[in-house]
Amino acid sequence: MKKPKAATINIRLDENLAKAFKDIVDRDGYTQTLVLTEFIKRYVKKNGQGALDL
């Protein structure tokens, strides 16, 4: 199976929220990309596009 092409999403966050998020994912041994990707997959599946091949 061919790996899907990657897309970039830019978001604006409060600096304190962004720092807290980075600190937590670093502490837990994850990357921000991994955590946000998993969140987005769950959100999409839950809210109407569950048939997507994620």
PDB file of N, CA and C in Angstrom:
ATOM      1  N   MET A   1       0.851  -1.183   0.000  1.00  0.00           N
ATOM      2  CA  MET A   1       0.000   0.000   0.000  1.00  0.00           C
ATOM      3  C   MET A   1       0.893   1.242   0.000  1.00  0.00           C
ATOM      4  N   LYS A   2       0.578   2.181  -0.868  1.00  0.00           N
ATOM      5  CA  LYS A   2       1.345   3.411  -0.997  1.00  0.00           C
ATOM      6  C   LYS A   2       0.990   4.374   0.136  1.00  0.00           C
ATOM      7  N   LYS A   3       2.017   4.985   0.729  1.00  0.00           N
ATOM      8  CA  LYS A   3       1.794   5.943   1.813  1.00  0.00           C
ATOM      9  C   LYS A   3       1.137   7.205   1.249  1.00  0.00           C
ATOM     10  N   PRO A   4       0.056   7.690   1.909  1.00  0.00           N
ATOM     11  CA  PRO A   4      -0.620   8.887   1.408  1.00  0.00           C
ATOM     12  C   PRO A   4       0.288  10.115   1.503  1.00  0.00           C
ATOM     13  N   LYS A   5       0.058  11.051   0.618  1.00  0.00           N
ATOM     14  CA  LYS A   5       0.798  12.300   0.610  1.00  0.00           C
ATOM     15  C   LYS A   5       0.464  13.093   1.877  1.00  0.00           C
ATOM     16  N   ALA A   6       1.462  13.696   2.478  1.00  0.00           N
ATOM     17  CA  ALA A   6       1.264  14.456   3.716  1.00  0.00           C
ATOM     18  C   ALA A   6       0.791  15.877   3.409  1.00  0.00           C
ATOM     19  N   ALA A   7      -0.008  16.420   4.318  1.00  0.00           N
ATOM     20  CA  ALA A   7      -0.467  17.804   4.233  1.00  0.00           C
ATOM     21  C   ALA A   7      -0.004  18.535   5.487  1.00  0.00           C
ATOM     22  N   THR A   8       0.114  19.834   5.386  1.00  0.00           N
ATOM     23  CA  THR A   8       0.515  20.657   6.521  1.00  0.00           C
ATOM     24  C   THR A   8      -0.664  21.511   6.958  1.00  0.00           C
ATOM     25  N   ILE A   9      -0.885  21.565   8.278  1.00  0.00           N
ATOM     26  CA  ILE A   9      -1.921  22.422   8.853  1.00  0.00           C
ATOM     27  C   ILE A   9      -1.230  23.372   9.828  1.00  0.00           C
ATOM     28  N   ASN A  10      -1.457  24.659   9.661  1.00  0.00           N
ATOM     29  CA  ASN A  10      -0.913  25.656  10.584  1.00  0.00           C
ATOM     30  C   ASN A  10      -2.039  26.149  11.479  1.00  0.00           C
ATOM     31  N   ILE A  11      -1.786  26.197  12.783  1.00  0.00           N
ATOM     32  CA  ILE A  11      -2.801  26.689  13.720  1.00  0.00           C
ATOM     33  C   ILE A  11      -2.188  27.753  14.621  1.00  0.00           C
ATOM     34  N   ARG A  12      -3.028  28.625  15.100  1.00  0.00           N
ATOM     35  CA  ARG A  12      -2.591  29.650  16.055  1.00  0.00           C
ATOM     36  C   ARG A  12      -3.123  29.271  17.428  1.00  0.00           C
ATOM     37  N   LEU A  13      -2.225  29.304  18.411  1.00  0.00           N
ATOM     38  CA  LEU A  13      -2.592  28.988  19.788  1.00  0.00           C
ATOM     39  C   LEU A  13      -2.037  30.054  20.713  1.00  0.00           C
ATOM     40  N   ASP A  14      -2.677  30.189  21.842  1.00  0.00           N
ATOM     41  CA  ASP A  14      -2.118  30.999  22.910  1.00  0.00           C
ATOM     42  C   ASP A  14      -0.730  30.439  23.243  1.00  0.00           C
ATOM     43  N   GLU A  15       0.251  31.300  23.448  1.00  0.00           N
ATOM     44  CA  GLU A  15       1.619  30.842  23.719  1.00  0.00           C
ATOM     45  C   GLU A  15       1.697  29.907  24.914  1.00  0.00           C
ATOM     46  N   ASN A  16       0.949  30.208  25.962  1.00  0.00           N
ATOM     47  CA  ASN A  16       0.985  29.355  27.155  1.00  0.00           C
ATOM     48  C   ASN A  16       0.419  27.966  26.867  1.00  0.00           C
ATOM     49  N   LEU A  17      -0.650  27.906  26.083  1.00  0.00           N
ATOM     50  CA  LEU A  17      -1.232  26.622  25.713  1.00  0.00           C
ATOM     51  C   LEU A  17      -0.263  25.822  24.844  1.00  0.00           C
ATOM     52  N   ALA A  18       0.356  26.484  23.872  1.00  0.00           N
ATOM     53  CA  ALA A  18       1.311  25.808  22.990  1.00  0.00           C
ATOM     54  C   ALA A  18       2.492  25.255  23.783  1.00  0.00           C
ATOM     55  N   LYS A  19       3.014  26.032  24.720  1.00  0.00           N
ATOM     56  CA  LYS A  19       4.147  25.578  25.533  1.00  0.00           C
ATOM     57  C   LYS A  19       3.742  24.411  26.422  1.00  0.00           C
ATOM     58  N   ALA A  20       2.574  24.509  27.047  1.00  0.00           N
ATOM     59  CA  ALA A  20       2.102  23.424  27.911  1.00  0.00           C
ATOM     60  C   ALA A  20       1.929  22.138  27.107  1.00  0.00           C
ATOM     61  N   PHE A  21       1.355  22.239  25.910  1.00  0.00           N
ATOM     62  CA  PHE A  21       1.167  21.067  25.056  1.00  0.00           C
ATOM     63  C   PHE A  21       2.513  20.445  24.696  1.00  0.00           C
ATOM     64  N   LYS A  22       3.461  21.272  24.263  1.00  0.00           N
ATOM     65  CA  LYS A  22       4.785  20.759  23.899  1.00  0.00           C
ATOM     66  C   LYS A  22       5.461  20.105  25.094  1.00  0.00           C
ATOM     67  N   ASP A  23       5.404  20.744  26.246  1.00  0.00           N
ATOM     68  CA  ASP A  23       6.020  20.176  27.454  1.00  0.00           C
ATOM     69  C   ASP A  23       5.420  18.810  27.789  1.00  0.00           C
ATOM     70  N   ILE A  24       4.109  18.693  27.684  1.00  0.00           N
ATOM     71  CA  ILE A  24       3.434  17.438  28.037  1.00  0.00           C
ATOM     72  C   ILE A  24       3.775  16.325  27.051  1.00  0.00           C
ATOM     73  N   VAL A  25       3.712  16.605  25.751  1.00  0.00           N
ATOM     74  CA  VAL A  25       4.028  15.542  24.792  1.00  0.00           C
ATOM     75  C   VAL A  25       5.495  15.139  24.883  1.00  0.00           C
ATOM     76  N   ASP A  26       6.381  16.107  25.127  1.00  0.00           N
ATOM     77  CA  ASP A  26       7.800  15.775  25.324  1.00  0.00           C
ATOM     78  C   ASP A  26       7.972  14.881  26.545  1.00  0.00           C
ATOM     79  N   ARG A  27       7.319  15.244  27.629  1.00  0.00           N
ATOM     80  CA  ARG A  27       7.408  14.465  28.866  1.00  0.00           C
ATOM     81  C   ARG A  27       6.926  13.034  28.654  1.00  0.00           C
ATOM     82  N   ASP A  28       5.865  12.898  27.857  1.00  0.00           N
ATOM     83  CA  ASP A  28       5.266  11.584  27.629  1.00  0.00           C
ATOM     84  C   ASP A  28       5.941  10.795  26.505  1.00  0.00           C
ATOM     85  N   GLY A  29       6.929  11.395  25.846  1.00  0.00           N
ATOM     86  CA  GLY A  29       7.672  10.697  24.809  1.00  0.00           C
ATOM     87  C   GLY A  29       7.000  10.652  23.451  1.00  0.00           C
ATOM     88  N   TYR A  30       6.099  11.582  23.198  1.00  0.00           N
ATOM     89  CA  TYR A  30       5.407  11.653  21.914  1.00  0.00           C
ATOM     90  C   TYR A  30       5.837  12.908  21.169  1.00  0.00           C
ATOM     91  N   THR A  31       5.357  13.038  19.931  1.00  0.00           N
ATOM     92  CA  THR A  31       5.543  14.279  19.188  1.00  0.00           C
ATOM     93  C   THR A  31       4.201  14.989  19.101  1.00  0.00           C
ATOM     94  N   GLN A  32       4.254  16.289  18.904  1.00  0.00           N
ATOM     95  CA  GLN A  32       3.019  17.041  18.732  1.00  0.00           C
ATOM     96  C   GLN A  32       2.255  16.533  17.511  1.00  0.00           C
ATOM     97  N   THR A  33       2.973  16.216  16.448  1.00  0.00           N
ATOM     98  CA  THR A  33       2.337  15.708  15.233  1.00  0.00           C
ATOM     99  C   THR A  33       1.580  14.417  15.496  1.00  0.00           C
ATOM    100  N   LEU A  34       2.201  13.489  16.200  1.00  0.00           N
ATOM    101  CA  LEU A  34       1.542  12.213  16.488  1.00  0.00           C
ATOM    102  C   LEU A  34       0.266  12.420  17.298  1.00  0.00           C
ATOM    103  N   VAL A  35       0.347  13.209  18.350  1.00  0.00           N
ATOM    104  CA  VAL A  35      -0.816  13.426  19.220  1.00  0.00           C
ATOM    105  C   VAL A  35      -1.941  14.115  18.455  1.00  0.00           C
ATOM    106  N   LEU A  36      -1.617  15.140  17.687  1.00  0.00           N
ATOM    107  CA  LEU A  36      -2.657  15.845  16.936  1.00  0.00           C
ATOM    108  C   LEU A  36      -3.226  14.986  15.816  1.00  0.00           C
ATOM    109  N   THR A  37      -2.395  14.190  15.156  1.00  0.00           N
ATOM    110  CA  THR A  37      -2.883  13.297  14.107  1.00  0.00           C
ATOM    111  C   THR A  37      -3.876  12.291  14.676  1.00  0.00           C
ATOM    112  N   GLU A  38      -3.555  11.696  15.817  1.00  0.00           N
ATOM    113  CA  GLU A  38      -4.470  10.733  16.437  1.00  0.00           C
ATOM    114  C   GLU A  38      -5.775  11.407  16.857  1.00  0.00           C
ATOM    115  N   PHE A  39      -5.682  12.625  17.398  1.00  0.00           N
ATOM    116  CA  PHE A  39      -6.888  13.365  17.767  1.00  0.00           C
ATOM    117  C   PHE A  39      -7.763  13.610  16.537  1.00  0.00           C
ATOM    118  N   ILE A  40      -7.153  14.067  15.442  1.00  0.00           N
ATOM    119  CA  ILE A  40      -7.909  14.374  14.230  1.00  0.00           C
ATOM    120  C   ILE A  40      -8.548  13.113  13.658  1.00  0.00           C
ATOM    121  N   LYS A  41      -7.838  11.995  13.655  1.00  0.00           N
ATOM    122  CA  LYS A  41      -8.412  10.731  13.172  1.00  0.00           C
ATOM    123  C   LYS A  41      -9.655  10.356  13.969  1.00  0.00           C
ATOM    124  N   ARG A  42      -9.556  10.417  15.308  1.00  0.00           N
ATOM    125  CA  ARG A  42     -10.716  10.078  16.151  1.00  0.00           C
ATOM    126  C   ARG A  42     -11.870  11.043  15.893  1.00  0.00           C
ATOM    127  N   TYR A  43     -11.574  12.320  15.770  1.00  0.00           N
ATOM    128  CA  TYR A  43     -12.603  13.327  15.546  1.00  0.00           C
ATOM    129  C   TYR A  43     -13.328  13.079  14.224  1.00  0.00           C
ATOM    130  N   VAL A  44     -12.574  12.807  13.168  1.00  0.00           N
ATOM    131  CA  VAL A  44     -13.162  12.558  11.849  1.00  0.00           C
ATOM    132  C   VAL A  44     -14.019  11.301  11.878  1.00  0.00           C
ATOM    133  N   LYS A  45     -13.523  10.234  12.480  1.00  0.00           N
ATOM    134  CA  LYS A  45     -14.297   8.990  12.559  1.00  0.00           C
ATOM    135  C   LYS A  45     -15.583   9.190  13.352  1.00  0.00           C
ATOM    136  N   LYS A  46     -15.496   9.915  14.456  1.00  0.00           N
ATOM    137  CA  LYS A  46     -16.652  10.128  15.321  1.00  0.00           C
ATOM    138  C   LYS A  46     -17.695  11.041  14.678  1.00  0.00           C
ATOM    139  N   ASN A  47     -17.264  11.977  13.869  1.00  0.00           N
ATOM    140  CA  ASN A  47     -18.155  13.020  13.377  1.00  0.00           C
ATOM    141  C   ASN A  47     -18.486  12.922  11.894  1.00  0.00           C
ATOM    142  N   GLY A  48     -18.575  11.698  11.382  1.00  0.00           N
ATOM    143  CA  GLY A  48     -19.186  11.554  10.082  1.00  0.00           C
ATOM    144  C   GLY A  48     -18.367  11.018   8.938  1.00  0.00           C
ATOM    145  N   GLN A  49     -17.075  10.822   9.105  1.00  0.00           N
ATOM    146  CA  GLN A  49     -16.285  10.283   8.005  1.00  0.00           C
ATOM    147  C   GLN A  49     -15.585   9.003   8.441  1.00  0.00           C
ATOM    148  N   GLY A  50     -16.287   8.188   9.184  1.00  0.00           N
ATOM    149  CA  GLY A  50     -15.719   6.967   9.722  1.00  0.00           C
ATOM    150  C   GLY A  50     -15.223   5.990   8.678  1.00  0.00           C
ATOM    151  N   ALA A  51     -15.686   6.123   7.444  1.00  0.00           N
ATOM    152  CA  ALA A  51     -15.285   5.192   6.393  1.00  0.00           C
ATOM    153  C   ALA A  51     -13.944   5.562   5.761  1.00  0.00           C
ATOM    154  N   LEU A  52     -13.380   6.701   6.139  1.00  0.00           N
ATOM    155  CA  LEU A  52     -12.086   7.080   5.579  1.00  0.00           C
ATOM    156  C   LEU A  52     -11.038   6.054   5.954  1.00  0.00           C
ATOM    157  N   ASP A  53     -10.120   5.791   5.048  1.00  0.00           N
ATOM    158  CA  ASP A  53      -9.037   4.842   5.307  1.00  0.00           C
ATOM    159  C   ASP A  53      -7.917   5.577   6.029  1.00  0.00           C
ATOM    160  N   LEU A  54      -8.003   5.601   7.350  1.00  0.00           N
ATOM    161  CA  LEU A  54      -7.004   6.308   8.149  1.00  0.00           C
ATOM    162  C   LEU A  54      -6.137   5.297   8.825  1.00  0.00           C
TER     163      LEU A  54
END
